[in-house]
Amino acid sequence: MDAVAYIGDDVPDIPPMKRVGFAVAVANAVDEVKRVAHYITQRRGGEGAVREVVELILKAQGKWETTVGNFIGDADWLR
């Protein structure tokens, strides 16, 4: 569970958020969820919050550039 990220916005999300290694609350989550989160997104749920978290994780792992390059089919996309 330490390697799991969970994104929540409401009270039913609190129990699983307490069990994972990276608990995230979206910007418009209820205050109770924000209090147990390791990270609160800048974006609201339904408005890019999940993408924000995916980018954050991939960048922290040093995998962002490779992932984007593989997706767009251009390994040298930064050059």
C-alpha atoms as a PDB file:
ATOM      1  CA  MET A   1       0.000   0.000   0.000  1.00  0.00           C
ATOM      2  CA  ASP A   2       2.990   2.313   0.428  1.00  0.00           C
ATOM      3  CA  ALA A   3       3.374   2.436  -3.369  1.00  0.00           C
ATOM      4  CA  VAL A   4      -0.292   3.371  -3.958  1.00  0.00           C
ATOM      5  CA  ALA A   5      -1.643   6.860  -4.623  1.00  0.00           C
ATOM      6  CA  TYR A   6      -5.295   7.642  -3.958  1.00  0.00           C
ATOM      7  CA  ILE A   7      -7.196  10.759  -4.999  1.00  0.00           C
ATOM      8  CA  GLY A   8     -10.304  11.685  -3.058  1.00  0.00           C
ATOM      9  CA  ASP A   9     -12.817  14.429  -2.508  1.00  0.00           C
ATOM     10  CA  ASP A  10     -15.396  13.296   0.059  1.00  0.00           C
ATOM     11  CA  VAL A  11     -15.707  11.597   3.449  1.00  0.00           C
ATOM     12  CA  PRO A  12     -15.951   7.999   2.103  1.00  0.00           C
ATOM     13  CA  ASP A  13     -12.460   8.498   0.643  1.00  0.00           C
ATOM     14  CA  ILE A  14     -10.852   9.031   4.055  1.00  0.00           C
ATOM     15  CA  PRO A  15     -10.358   5.360   5.096  1.00  0.00           C
ATOM     16  CA  PRO A  16      -8.474   4.352   1.931  1.00  0.00           C
ATOM     17  CA  MET A  17      -6.524   7.623   1.982  1.00  0.00           C
ATOM     18  CA  LYS A  18      -5.239   6.719   5.452  1.00  0.00           C
ATOM     19  CA  ARG A  19      -3.916   3.379   4.150  1.00  0.00           C
ATOM     20  CA  VAL A  20      -1.948   4.498   1.083  1.00  0.00           C
ATOM     21  CA  GLY A  21       1.507   5.967   0.659  1.00  0.00           C
ATOM     22  CA  PHE A  22       0.351   9.093  -1.175  1.00  0.00           C
ATOM     23  CA  ALA A  23      -3.087  10.492  -0.332  1.00  0.00           C
ATOM     24  CA  VAL A  24      -4.299  13.363  -2.509  1.00  0.00           C
ATOM     25  CA  ALA A  25      -7.273  15.670  -2.106  1.00  0.00           C
ATOM     26  CA  VAL A  26      -8.583  17.630  -5.060  1.00  0.00           C
ATOM     27  CA  ALA A  27      -8.870  21.400  -4.625  1.00  0.00           C
ATOM     28  CA  ASN A  28     -12.633  21.260  -4.098  1.00  0.00           C
ATOM     29  CA  ALA A  29     -12.567  18.349  -1.636  1.00  0.00           C
ATOM     30  CA  VAL A  30     -14.287  18.681   1.716  1.00  0.00           C
ATOM     31  CA  ASP A  31     -12.109  19.949   4.553  1.00  0.00           C
ATOM     32  CA  GLU A  32     -12.038  16.566   6.294  1.00  0.00           C
ATOM     33  CA  VAL A  33     -10.396  14.992   3.236  1.00  0.00           C
ATOM     34  CA  LYS A  34      -7.916  17.827   2.888  1.00  0.00           C
ATOM     35  CA  ARG A  35      -6.817  17.273   6.497  1.00  0.00           C
ATOM     36  CA  VAL A  36      -5.700  13.661   5.819  1.00  0.00           C
ATOM     37  CA  ALA A  37      -4.113  14.390   2.414  1.00  0.00           C
ATOM     38  CA  HIS A  38      -0.377  14.475   1.786  1.00  0.00           C
ATOM     39  CA  TYR A  39      -1.003  16.777  -1.199  1.00  0.00           C
ATOM     40  CA  ILE A  40      -3.868  19.039  -2.280  1.00  0.00           C
ATOM     41  CA  THR A  41      -4.158  19.737  -5.991  1.00  0.00           C
ATOM     42  CA  GLN A  42      -4.341  23.195  -7.504  1.00  0.00           C
ATOM     43  CA  ARG A  43      -7.048  22.000  -9.899  1.00  0.00           C
ATOM     44  CA  ARG A  44     -10.556  20.998  -8.930  1.00  0.00           C
ATOM     45  CA  GLY A  45     -11.987  17.523  -9.433  1.00  0.00           C
ATOM     46  CA  GLY A  46     -13.155  17.111 -13.025  1.00  0.00           C
ATOM     47  CA  GLU A  47     -10.947  20.001 -14.144  1.00  0.00           C
ATOM     48  CA  GLY A  48      -7.521  18.376 -14.497  1.00  0.00           C
ATOM     49  CA  ALA A  49      -6.741  17.292 -10.924  1.00  0.00           C
ATOM     50  CA  VAL A  50      -5.896  13.695 -11.862  1.00  0.00           C
ATOM     51  CA  ARG A  51      -3.628  14.828 -14.696  1.00  0.00           C
ATOM     52  CA  GLU A  52      -1.883  17.185 -12.261  1.00  0.00           C
ATOM     53  CA  VAL A  53      -1.180  14.276  -9.909  1.00  0.00           C
ATOM     54  CA  VAL A  54      -0.010  11.953 -12.684  1.00  0.00           C
ATOM     55  CA  GLU A  55       2.429  14.606 -13.920  1.00  0.00           C
ATOM     56  CA  LEU A  56       3.631  15.262 -10.361  1.00  0.00           C
ATOM     57  CA  ILE A  57       4.328  11.557  -9.755  1.00  0.00           C
ATOM     58  CA  LEU A  58       6.016  10.954 -13.108  1.00  0.00           C
ATOM     59  CA  LYS A  59       8.244  14.008 -12.656  1.00  0.00           C
ATOM     60  CA  ALA A  60       9.178  12.903  -9.130  1.00  0.00           C
ATOM     61  CA  GLN A  61      10.142   9.502 -10.556  1.00  0.00           C
ATOM     62  CA  GLY A  62      12.142  11.087 -13.376  1.00  0.00           C
ATOM     63  CA  LYS A  63       9.840   9.504 -15.968  1.00  0.00           C
ATOM     64  CA  TRP A  64       7.919  12.506 -17.322  1.00  0.00           C
ATOM     65  CA  GLU A  65      10.039  13.302 -20.386  1.00  0.00           C
ATOM     66  CA  THR A  66      10.295   9.661 -21.476  1.00  0.00           C
ATOM     67  CA  THR A  67       6.585   9.085 -20.978  1.00  0.00           C
ATOM     68  CA  VAL A  68       5.602  12.121 -23.053  1.00  0.00           C
ATOM     69  CA  GLY A  69       8.176  11.243 -25.719  1.00  0.00           C
ATOM     70  CA  ASN A  70       6.846   7.690 -25.974  1.00  0.00           C
ATOM     71  CA  PHE A  71       3.271   8.943 -26.158  1.00  0.00           C
ATOM     72  CA  ILE A  72       3.899  11.417 -28.959  1.00  0.00           C
ATOM     73  CA  GLY A  73       6.353   9.108 -30.734  1.00  0.00           C
ATOM     74  CA  ASP A  74       9.298  11.500 -30.469  1.00  0.00           C
ATOM     75  CA  ALA A  75      12.038  10.528 -28.008  1.00  0.00           C
ATOM     76  CA  ASP A  76      13.815  13.858 -28.692  1.00  0.00           C
ATOM     77  CA  TRP A  77      10.779  16.076 -28.207  1.00  0.00           C
ATOM     78  CA  LEU A  78      12.615  18.331 -25.733  1.00  0.00           C
ATOM     79  CA  ARG A  79      15.386  19.218 -28.169  1.00  0.00           C
END
